[in-house]
Amino acid sequence: MCLAIPGKIKSIDLLYDGTVRMAKVSFGGITKEASLEMLPQADVGDYVLVHVGVAISKVDEEEAQKVFEYLREAGELDELEIENCSLSSIISHTAS
């Protein structure tokens, strides 16, 4: 299964003369790069959902922690492959 995973933006780099914003995002200790093109308002310290290397929405810290804990309990973090996911499996909110 492929998921959008919550992470915290640690830094933002401007590439190609400032036209592309890329972030270093921490996912529970693992840091990956993600495009911020869909979230121009995202900033360092924000929590975002990342799918296929693209930040697709901002979430608050509490929601990010709920999603991360849900994925941990479901055993989905062990086989996480952020780069190889399809758009059909996005999780954009947590179960109540």
PDB file of N, CA and C in Angstrom:
ATOM      1  N   MET A   1       0.846  -1.172   0.000  1.00  0.00           N
ATOM      2  CA  MET A   1       0.000   0.000   0.000  1.00  0.00           C
ATOM      3  C   MET A   1       0.889   1.231   0.000  1.00  0.00           C
ATOM      4  N   CYS A   2       0.443   2.269  -0.624  1.00  0.00           N
ATOM      5  CA  CYS A   2       1.189   3.508  -0.715  1.00  0.00           C
ATOM      6  C   CYS A   2       0.446   4.604   0.030  1.00  0.00           C
ATOM      7  N   LEU A   3       1.177   5.386   0.811  1.00  0.00           N
ATOM      8  CA  LEU A   3       0.552   6.362   1.684  1.00  0.00           C
ATOM      9  C   LEU A   3       1.195   7.728   1.559  1.00  0.00           C
ATOM     10  N   ALA A   4       0.459   8.746   1.963  1.00  0.00           N
ATOM     11  CA  ALA A   4       1.057  10.056   2.190  1.00  0.00           C
ATOM     12  C   ALA A   4       1.504  10.046   3.646  1.00  0.00           C
ATOM     13  N   ILE A   5       2.748  10.378   3.891  1.00  0.00           N
ATOM     14  CA  ILE A   5       3.345  10.257   5.213  1.00  0.00           C
ATOM     15  C   ILE A   5       3.577  11.648   5.803  1.00  0.00           C
ATOM     16  N   PRO A   6       3.220  11.854   7.080  1.00  0.00           N
ATOM     17  CA  PRO A   6       3.462  13.153   7.692  1.00  0.00           C
ATOM     18  C   PRO A   6       4.927  13.328   8.067  1.00  0.00           C
ATOM     19  N   GLY A   7       5.433  14.528   7.858  1.00  0.00           N
ATOM     20  CA  GLY A   7       6.803  14.848   8.241  1.00  0.00           C
ATOM     21  C   GLY A   7       6.930  16.318   8.567  1.00  0.00           C
ATOM     22  N   LYS A   8       8.028  16.669   9.207  1.00  0.00           N
ATOM     23  CA  LYS A   8       8.281  18.049   9.613  1.00  0.00           C
ATOM     24  C   LYS A   8       9.355  18.655   8.723  1.00  0.00           C
ATOM     25  N   ILE A   9       9.070  19.835   8.168  1.00  0.00           N
ATOM     26  CA  ILE A   9      10.032  20.527   7.317  1.00  0.00           C
ATOM     27  C   ILE A   9      11.187  21.028   8.179  1.00  0.00           C
ATOM     28  N   LYS A  10      12.396  20.575   7.824  1.00  0.00           N
ATOM     29  CA  LYS A  10      13.605  20.972   8.550  1.00  0.00           C
ATOM     30  C   LYS A  10      14.329  22.133   7.865  1.00  0.00           C
ATOM     31  N   SER A  11      14.295  22.168   6.542  1.00  0.00           N
ATOM     32  CA  SER A  11      14.927  23.266   5.810  1.00  0.00           C
ATOM     33  C   SER A  11      14.300  23.354   4.422  1.00  0.00           C
ATOM     34  N   ILE A  12      14.483  24.517   3.801  1.00  0.00           N
ATOM     35  CA  ILE A  12      13.965  24.749   2.453  1.00  0.00           C
ATOM     36  C   ILE A  12      15.083  25.315   1.597  1.00  0.00           C
ATOM     37  N   ASP A  13      15.246  24.740   0.405  1.00  0.00           N
ATOM     38  CA  ASP A  13      16.240  25.216  -0.552  1.00  0.00           C
ATOM     39  C   ASP A  13      15.521  25.744  -1.785  1.00  0.00           C
ATOM     40  N   LEU A  14      16.034  26.822  -2.325  1.00  0.00           N
ATOM     41  CA  LEU A  14      15.525  27.370  -3.588  1.00  0.00           C
ATOM     42  C   LEU A  14      16.460  26.935  -4.699  1.00  0.00           C
ATOM     43  N   LEU A  15      15.904  26.275  -5.704  1.00  0.00           N
ATOM     44  CA  LEU A  15      16.690  25.775  -6.819  1.00  0.00           C
ATOM     45  C   LEU A  15      16.317  26.507  -8.100  1.00  0.00           C
ATOM     46  N   TYR A  16      17.165  26.396  -9.096  1.00  0.00           N
ATOM     47  CA  TYR A  16      16.908  26.953 -10.428  1.00  0.00           C
ATOM     48  C   TYR A  16      16.534  28.436 -10.340  1.00  0.00           C
ATOM     49  N   ASP A  17      17.453  29.218  -9.793  1.00  0.00           N
ATOM     50  CA  ASP A  17      17.274  30.667  -9.653  1.00  0.00           C
ATOM     51  C   ASP A  17      16.033  31.023  -8.824  1.00  0.00           C
ATOM     52  N   GLY A  18      15.733  30.192  -7.828  1.00  0.00           N
ATOM     53  CA  GLY A  18      14.627  30.478  -6.919  1.00  0.00           C
ATOM     54  C   GLY A  18      13.256  30.093  -7.404  1.00  0.00           C
ATOM     55  N   THR A  19      13.173  29.379  -8.523  1.00  0.00           N
ATOM     56  CA  THR A  19      11.861  29.032  -9.080  1.00  0.00           C
ATOM     57  C   THR A  19      11.293  27.730  -8.536  1.00  0.00           C
ATOM     58  N   VAL A  20      12.127  26.897  -7.907  1.00  0.00           N
ATOM     59  CA  VAL A  20      11.664  25.617  -7.364  1.00  0.00           C
ATOM     60  C   VAL A  20      12.026  25.556  -5.881  1.00  0.00           C
ATOM     61  N   ARG A  21      11.033  25.259  -5.045  1.00  0.00           N
ATOM     62  CA  ARG A  21      11.257  25.121  -3.605  1.00  0.00           C
ATOM     63  C   ARG A  21      11.279  23.640  -3.240  1.00  0.00           C
ATOM     64  N   MET A  22      12.388  23.223  -2.648  1.00  0.00           N
ATOM     65  CA  MET A  22      12.541  21.846  -2.180  1.00  0.00           C
ATOM     66  C   MET A  22      12.806  21.881  -0.677  1.00  0.00           C
ATOM     67  N   ALA A  23      12.209  20.934   0.043  1.00  0.00           N
ATOM     68  CA  ALA A  23      12.373  20.877   1.497  1.00  0.00           C
ATOM     69  C   ALA A  23      13.060  19.589   1.904  1.00  0.00           C
ATOM     70  N   LYS A  24      13.793  19.665   2.982  1.00  0.00           N
ATOM     71  CA  LYS A  24      14.269  18.471   3.671  1.00  0.00           C
ATOM     72  C   LYS A  24      13.232  18.223   4.757  1.00  0.00           C
ATOM     73  N   VAL A  25      12.595  17.044   4.711  1.00  0.00           N
ATOM     74  CA  VAL A  25      11.501  16.720   5.611  1.00  0.00           C
ATOM     75  C   VAL A  25      11.893  15.517   6.452  1.00  0.00           C
ATOM     76  N   SER A  26      11.677  15.620   7.758  1.00  0.00           N
ATOM     77  CA  SER A  26      12.000  14.537   8.680  1.00  0.00           C
ATOM     78  C   SER A  26      10.767  13.685   8.934  1.00  0.00           C
ATOM     79  N   PHE A  27      10.922  12.373   8.718  1.00  0.00           N
ATOM     80  CA  PHE A  27       9.867  11.393   8.959  1.00  0.00           C
ATOM     81  C   PHE A  27      10.325  10.495  10.099  1.00  0.00           C
ATOM     82  N   GLY A  28      10.149  10.935  11.317  1.00  0.00           N
ATOM     83  CA  GLY A  28      10.550  10.119  12.465  1.00  0.00           C
ATOM     84  C   GLY A  28      12.021   9.760  12.459  1.00  0.00           C
ATOM     85  N   GLY A  29      12.863  10.682  12.064  1.00  0.00           N
ATOM     86  CA  GLY A  29      14.301  10.438  12.066  1.00  0.00           C
ATOM     87  C   GLY A  29      14.898  10.176  10.698  1.00  0.00           C
ATOM     88  N   ILE A  30      14.084   9.828   9.729  1.00  0.00           N
ATOM     89  CA  ILE A  30      14.554   9.634   8.354  1.00  0.00           C
ATOM     90  C   ILE A  30      14.263  10.921   7.597  1.00  0.00           C
ATOM     91  N   THR A  31      15.277  11.484   6.959  1.00  0.00           N
ATOM     92  CA  THR A  31      15.095  12.737   6.227  1.00  0.00           C
ATOM     93  C   THR A  31      15.109  12.467   4.730  1.00  0.00           C
ATOM     94  N   LYS A  32      14.115  13.029   4.044  1.00  0.00           N
ATOM     95  CA  LYS A  32      13.996  12.909   2.590  1.00  0.00           C
ATOM     96  C   LYS A  32      13.720  14.291   2.019  1.00  0.00           C
ATOM     97  N   GLU A  33      13.956  14.445   0.727  1.00  0.00           N
ATOM     98  CA  GLU A  33      13.617  15.689   0.044  1.00  0.00           C
ATOM     99  C   GLU A  33      12.200  15.597  -0.501  1.00  0.00           C
ATOM    100  N   ALA A  34      11.508  16.753  -0.481  1.00  0.00           N
ATOM    101  CA  ALA A  34      10.154  16.815  -1.024  1.00  0.00           C
ATOM    102  C   ALA A  34       9.954  18.160  -1.703  1.00  0.00           C
ATOM    103  N   SER A  35       9.229  18.136  -2.789  1.00  0.00           N
ATOM    104  CA  SER A  35       8.880  19.358  -3.497  1.00  0.00           C
ATOM    105  C   SER A  35       7.795  20.106  -2.724  1.00  0.00           C
ATOM    106  N   LEU A  36       7.913  21.438  -2.686  1.00  0.00           N
ATOM    107  CA  LEU A  36       6.893  22.281  -2.055  1.00  0.00           C
ATOM    108  C   LEU A  36       6.065  23.037  -3.090  1.00  0.00           C
ATOM    109  N   GLU A  37       6.102  22.594  -4.342  1.00  0.00           N
ATOM    110  CA  GLU A  37       5.402  23.308  -5.412  1.00  0.00           C
ATOM    111  C   GLU A  37       3.899  23.380  -5.197  1.00  0.00           C
ATOM    112  N   MET A  38       3.301  22.382  -4.548  1.00  0.00           N
ATOM    113  CA  MET A  38       1.859  22.403  -4.289  1.00  0.00           C
ATOM    114  C   MET A  38       1.518  23.179  -3.025  1.00  0.00           C
ATOM    115  N   LEU A  39       2.533  23.523  -2.230  1.00  0.00           N
ATOM    116  CA  LEU A  39       2.319  24.232  -0.965  1.00  0.00           C
ATOM    117  C   LEU A  39       3.245  25.434  -0.851  1.00  0.00           C
ATOM    118  N   PRO A  40       3.017  26.473  -1.646  1.00  0.00           N
ATOM    119  CA  PRO A  40       3.921  27.623  -1.604  1.00  0.00           C
ATOM    120  C   PRO A  40       3.965  28.317  -0.246  1.00  0.00           C
ATOM    121  N   GLN A  41       2.948  28.124   0.589  1.00  0.00           N
ATOM    122  CA  GLN A  41       2.900  28.754   1.900  1.00  0.00           C
ATOM    123  C   GLN A  41       3.629  27.945   2.973  1.00  0.00           C
ATOM    124  N   ALA A  42       4.090  26.745   2.673  1.00  0.00           N
ATOM    125  CA  ALA A  42       4.777  25.903   3.656  1.00  0.00           C
ATOM    126  C   ALA A  42       6.093  26.534   4.070  1.00  0.00           C
ATOM    127  N   ASP A  43       6.432  26.358   5.358  1.00  0.00           N
ATOM    128  CA  ASP A  43       7.639  26.966   5.886  1.00  0.00           C
ATOM    129  C   ASP A  43       8.344  25.988   6.827  1.00  0.00           C
ATOM    130  N   VAL A  44       9.588  26.306   7.180  1.00  0.00           N
ATOM    131  CA  VAL A  44      10.353  25.486   8.116  1.00  0.00           C
ATOM    132  C   VAL A  44       9.553  25.349   9.416  1.00  0.00           C
ATOM    133  N   GLY A  45       9.478  24.115   9.931  1.00  0.00           N
ATOM    134  CA  GLY A  45       8.735  23.838  11.153  1.00  0.00           C
ATOM    135  C   GLY A  45       7.325  23.344  10.910  1.00  0.00           C
ATOM    136  N   ASP A  46       6.801  23.545   9.701  1.00  0.00           N
ATOM    137  CA  ASP A  46       5.460  23.056   9.374  1.00  0.00           C
ATOM    138  C   ASP A  46       5.471  21.544   9.221  1.00  0.00           C
ATOM    139  N   TYR A  47       4.331  20.935   9.502  1.00  0.00           N
ATOM    140  CA  TYR A  47       4.130  19.511   9.239  1.00  0.00           C
ATOM    141  C   TYR A  47       3.348  19.398   7.941  1.00  0.00           C
ATOM    142  N   VAL A  48       3.797  18.484   7.086  1.00  0.00           N
ATOM    143  CA  VAL A  48       3.161  18.289   5.784  1.00  0.00           C
ATOM    144  C   VAL A  48       2.972  16.804   5.518  1.00  0.00           C
ATOM    145  N   LEU A  49       1.997  16.483   4.683  1.00  0.00           N
ATOM    146  CA  LEU A  49       1.835  15.120   4.182  1.00  0.00           C
ATOM    147  C   LEU A  49       2.592  15.043   2.861  1.00  0.00           C
ATOM    148  N   VAL A  50       3.475  14.052   2.742  1.00  0.00           N
ATOM    149  CA  VAL A  50       4.292  13.899   1.539  1.00  0.00           C
ATOM    150  C   VAL A  50       3.907  12.610   0.840  1.00  0.00           C
ATOM    151  N   HIS A  51       3.666  12.732  -0.455  1.00  0.00           N
ATOM    152  CA  HIS A  51       3.308  11.578  -1.290  1.00  0.00           C
ATOM    153  C   HIS A  51       4.144  11.638  -2.559  1.00  0.00           C
ATOM    154  N   VAL A  52       4.866  10.582  -2.831  1.00  0.00           N
ATOM    155  CA  VAL A  52       5.698  10.462  -4.023  1.00  0.00           C
ATOM    156  C   VAL A  52       6.660  11.652  -4.151  1.00  0.00           C
ATOM    157  N   GLY A  53       7.210  12.087  -3.020  1.00  0.00           N
ATOM    158  CA  GLY A  53       8.179  13.161  -3.044  1.00  0.00           C
ATOM    159  C   GLY A  53       7.608  14.560  -3.181  1.00  0.00           C
ATOM    160  N   VAL A  54       6.288  14.701  -3.011  1.00  0.00           N
ATOM    161  CA  VAL A  54       5.632  15.999  -3.126  1.00  0.00           C
ATOM    162  C   VAL A  54       4.812  16.257  -1.862  1.00  0.00           C
ATOM    163  N   ALA A  55       5.022  17.407  -1.230  1.00  0.00           N
ATOM    164  CA  ALA A  55       4.192  17.801  -0.096  1.00  0.00           C
ATOM    165  C   ALA A  55       2.824  18.185  -0.648  1.00  0.00           C
ATOM    166  N   ILE A  56       1.768  17.475  -0.196  1.00  0.00           N
ATOM    167  CA  ILE A  56       0.441  17.686  -0.782  1.00  0.00           C
ATOM    168  C   ILE A  56      -0.509  18.461   0.111  1.00  0.00           C
ATOM    169  N   SER A  57      -0.224  18.531   1.413  1.00  0.00           N
ATOM    170  CA  SER A  57      -1.060  19.335   2.295  1.00  0.00           C
ATOM    171  C   SER A  57      -0.343  19.579   3.608  1.00  0.00           C
ATOM    172  N   LYS A  58      -0.723  20.668   4.265  1.00  0.00           N
ATOM    173  CA  LYS A  58      -0.201  20.954   5.592  1.00  0.00           C
ATOM    174  C   LYS A  58      -1.129  20.311   6.615  1.00  0.00           C
ATOM    175  N   VAL A  59      -0.551  19.848   7.720  1.00  0.00           N
ATOM    176  CA  VAL A  59      -1.323  19.316   8.835  1.00  0.00           C
ATOM    177  C   VAL A  59      -0.737  19.886  10.119  1.00  0.00           C
ATOM    178  N   ASP A  60      -1.541  19.885  11.188  1.00  0.00           N
ATOM    179  CA  ASP A  60      -0.973  20.357  12.439  1.00  0.00           C
ATOM    180  C   ASP A  60      -0.184  19.224  13.088  1.00  0.00           C
ATOM    181  N   GLU A  61       0.630  19.557  14.060  1.00  0.00           N
ATOM    182  CA  GLU A  61       1.514  18.577  14.690  1.00  0.00           C
ATOM    183  C   GLU A  61       0.733  17.420  15.304  1.00  0.00           C
ATOM    184  N   GLU A  62      -0.392  17.718  15.936  1.00  0.00           N
ATOM    185  CA  GLU A  62      -1.191  16.666  16.570  1.00  0.00           C
ATOM    186  C   GLU A  62      -1.688  15.648  15.540  1.00  0.00           C
ATOM    187  N   GLU A  63      -2.206  16.144  14.406  1.00  0.00           N
ATOM    188  CA  GLU A  63      -2.679  15.236  13.363  1.00  0.00           C
ATOM    189  C   GLU A  63      -1.524  14.424  12.787  1.00  0.00           C
ATOM    190  N   ALA A  64      -0.369  15.070  12.588  1.00  0.00           N
ATOM    191  CA  ALA A  64       0.800  14.355  12.068  1.00  0.00           C
ATOM    192  C   ALA A  64       1.192  13.218  13.003  1.00  0.00           C
ATOM    193  N   GLN A  65       1.196  13.484  14.302  1.00  0.00           N
ATOM    194  CA  GLN A  65       1.550  12.453  15.273  1.00  0.00           C
ATOM    195  C   GLN A  65       0.528  11.315  15.281  1.00  0.00           C
ATOM    196  N   LYS A  66      -0.763  11.639  15.138  1.00  0.00           N
ATOM    197  CA  LYS A  66      -1.809  10.603  15.082  1.00  0.00           C
ATOM    198  C   LYS A  66      -1.603   9.692  13.867  1.00  0.00           C
ATOM    199  N   VAL A  67      -1.357  10.292  12.720  1.00  0.00           N
ATOM    200  CA  VAL A  67      -1.154   9.503  11.494  1.00  0.00           C
ATOM    201  C   VAL A  67       0.085   8.627  11.640  1.00  0.00           C
ATOM    202  N   PHE A  68       1.173   9.217  12.140  1.00  0.00           N
ATOM    203  CA  PHE A  68       2.413   8.466  12.283  1.00  0.00           C
ATOM    204  C   PHE A  68       2.217   7.292  13.245  1.00  0.00           C
ATOM    205  N   GLU A  69       1.513   7.515  14.348  1.00  0.00           N
ATOM    206  CA  GLU A  69       1.261   6.433  15.307  1.00  0.00           C
ATOM    207  C   GLU A  69       0.361   5.360  14.688  1.00  0.00           C
ATOM    208  N   TYR A  70      -0.651   5.779  13.932  1.00  0.00           N
ATOM    209  CA  TYR A  70      -1.521   4.828  13.249  1.00  0.00           C
ATOM    210  C   TYR A  70      -0.711   3.945  12.297  1.00  0.00           C
ATOM    211  N   LEU A  71       0.176   4.548  11.515  1.00  0.00           N
ATOM    212  CA  LEU A  71       1.007   3.786  10.583  1.00  0.00           C
ATOM    213  C   LEU A  71       1.941   2.841  11.329  1.00  0.00           C
ATOM    214  N   ARG A  72       2.480   3.298  12.455  1.00  0.00           N
ATOM    215  CA  ARG A  72       3.363   2.452  13.265  1.00  0.00           C
ATOM    216  C   ARG A  72       2.580   1.230  13.777  1.00  0.00           C
ATOM    217  N   GLU A  73       1.389   1.470  14.321  1.00  0.00           N
ATOM    218  CA  GLU A  73       0.555   0.374  14.842  1.00  0.00           C
ATOM    219  C   GLU A  73       0.150  -0.605  13.745  1.00  0.00           C
ATOM    220  N   ALA A  74      -0.098  -0.082  12.553  1.00  0.00           N
ATOM    221  CA  ALA A  74      -0.520  -0.928  11.434  1.00  0.00           C
ATOM    222  C   ALA A  74       0.655  -1.661  10.793  1.00  0.00           C
ATOM    223  N   GLY A  75       1.882  -1.351  11.236  1.00  0.00           N
ATOM    224  CA  GLY A  75       3.060  -2.004  10.682  1.00  0.00           C
ATOM    225  C   GLY A  75       3.464  -1.494   9.317  1.00  0.00           C
ATOM    226  N   GLU A  76       2.939  -0.343   8.921  1.00  0.00           N
ATOM    227  CA  GLU A  76       3.219   0.193   7.586  1.00  0.00           C
ATOM    228  C   GLU A  76       4.558   0.905   7.504  1.00  0.00           C
ATOM    229  N   LEU A  77       5.131   1.313   8.609  1.00  0.00           N
ATOM    230  CA  LEU A  77       6.395   2.042   8.555  1.00  0.00           C
ATOM    231  C   LEU A  77       7.564   1.139   8.215  1.00  0.00           C
ATOM    232  N   ASP A  78       7.439  -0.158   8.516  1.00  0.00           N
ATOM    233  CA  ASP A  78       8.525  -1.089   8.246  1.00  0.00           C
ATOM    234  C   ASP A  78       8.820  -1.238   6.760  1.00  0.00           C
ATOM    235  N   GLU A  79       7.800  -1.092   5.929  1.00  0.00           N
ATOM    236  CA  GLU A  79       7.973  -1.306   4.495  1.00  0.00           C
ATOM    237  C   GLU A  79       7.738  -0.036   3.693  1.00  0.00           C
ATOM    238  N   LEU A  80       7.954   1.099   4.330  1.00  0.00           N
ATOM    239  CA  LEU A  80       7.699   2.383   3.705  1.00  0.00           C
ATOM    240  C   LEU A  80       8.591   2.602   2.492  1.00  0.00           C
ATOM    241  N   GLU A  81       7.956   2.910   1.340  1.00  0.00           N
ATOM    242  CA  GLU A  81       8.682   3.229   0.111  1.00  0.00           C
ATOM    243  C   GLU A  81       8.068   4.484  -0.477  1.00  0.00           C
ATOM    244  N   ILE A  82       8.446   5.634   0.035  1.00  0.00           N
ATOM    245  CA  ILE A  82       7.834   6.893  -0.364  1.00  0.00           C
ATOM    246  C   ILE A  82       7.983   7.154  -1.860  1.00  0.00           C
ATOM    247  N   GLU A  83       9.138   6.868  -2.445  1.00  0.00           N
ATOM    248  CA  GLU A  83       9.366   7.223  -3.845  1.00  0.00           C
ATOM    249  C   GLU A  83       8.602   6.350  -4.841  1.00  0.00           C
ATOM    250  N   ASN A  84       8.156   5.169  -4.461  1.00  0.00           N
ATOM    251  CA  ASN A  84       7.582   4.232  -5.428  1.00  0.00           C
ATOM    252  C   ASN A  84       6.085   4.039  -5.274  1.00  0.00           C
ATOM    253  N   CYS A  85       5.352   5.075  -4.902  1.00  0.00           N
ATOM    254  CA  CYS A  85       3.921   4.947  -4.643  1.00  0.00           C
ATOM    255  C   CYS A  85       3.092   5.469  -5.813  1.00  0.00           C
ATOM    256  N   SER A  86       1.844   5.003  -5.875  1.00  0.00           N
ATOM    257  CA  SER A  86       0.927   5.503  -6.891  1.00  0.00           C
ATOM    258  C   SER A  86      -0.056   6.478  -6.252  1.00  0.00           C
ATOM    259  N   LEU A  87      -0.614   7.383  -7.034  1.00  0.00           N
ATOM    260  CA  LEU A  87      -1.516   8.393  -6.508  1.00  0.00           C
ATOM    261  C   LEU A  87      -2.825   7.830  -5.979  1.00  0.00           C
ATOM    262  N   SER A  88      -3.158   6.589  -6.259  1.00  0.00           N
ATOM    263  CA  SER A  88      -4.446   6.048  -5.866  1.00  0.00           C
ATOM    264  C   SER A  88      -4.549   5.710  -4.387  1.00  0.00           C
ATOM    265  N   SER A  89      -3.461   5.772  -3.640  1.00  0.00           N
ATOM    266  CA  SER A  89      -3.490   5.318  -2.248  1.00  0.00           C
ATOM    267  C   SER A  89      -3.180   6.405  -1.233  1.00  0.00           C
ATOM    268  N   ILE A  90      -3.503   7.657  -1.518  1.00  0.00           N
ATOM    269  CA  ILE A  90      -3.159   8.737  -0.601  1.00  0.00           C
ATOM    270  C   ILE A  90      -4.026   8.665   0.655  1.00  0.00           C
ATOM    271  N   ILE A  91      -3.377   8.774   1.805  1.00  0.00           N
ATOM    272  CA  ILE A  91      -4.109   8.976   3.052  1.00  0.00           C
ATOM    273  C   ILE A  91      -3.995  10.453   3.375  1.00  0.00           C
ATOM    274  N   SER A  92      -5.103  11.161   3.426  1.00  0.00           N
ATOM    275  CA  SER A  92      -5.030  12.600   3.667  1.00  0.00           C
ATOM    276  C   SER A  92      -5.626  12.997   5.006  1.00  0.00           C
ATOM    277  N   HIS A  93      -6.126  12.032   5.779  1.00  0.00           N
ATOM    278  CA  HIS A  93      -6.618  12.339   7.110  1.00  0.00           C
ATOM    279  C   HIS A  93      -6.539  11.085   7.969  1.00  0.00           C
ATOM    280  N   THR A  94      -6.689  11.239   9.260  1.00  0.00           N
ATOM    281  CA  THR A  94      -6.574  10.110  10.179  1.00  0.00           C
ATOM    282  C   THR A  94      -7.957   9.523  10.459  1.00  0.00           C
ATOM    283  N   ALA A  95      -7.951   8.273  10.885  1.00  0.00           N
ATOM    284  CA  ALA A  95      -9.188   7.666  11.356  1.00  0.00           C
ATOM    285  C   ALA A  95      -9.466   8.170  12.757  1.00  0.00           C
ATOM    286  N   SER A  96     -10.727   8.357  13.084  1.00  0.00           N
ATOM    287  CA  SER A  96     -11.079   8.872  14.418  1.00  0.00           C
ATOM    288  C   SER A  96     -10.846   7.848  15.491  1.00  0.00           C
TER     289      SER A  96
END
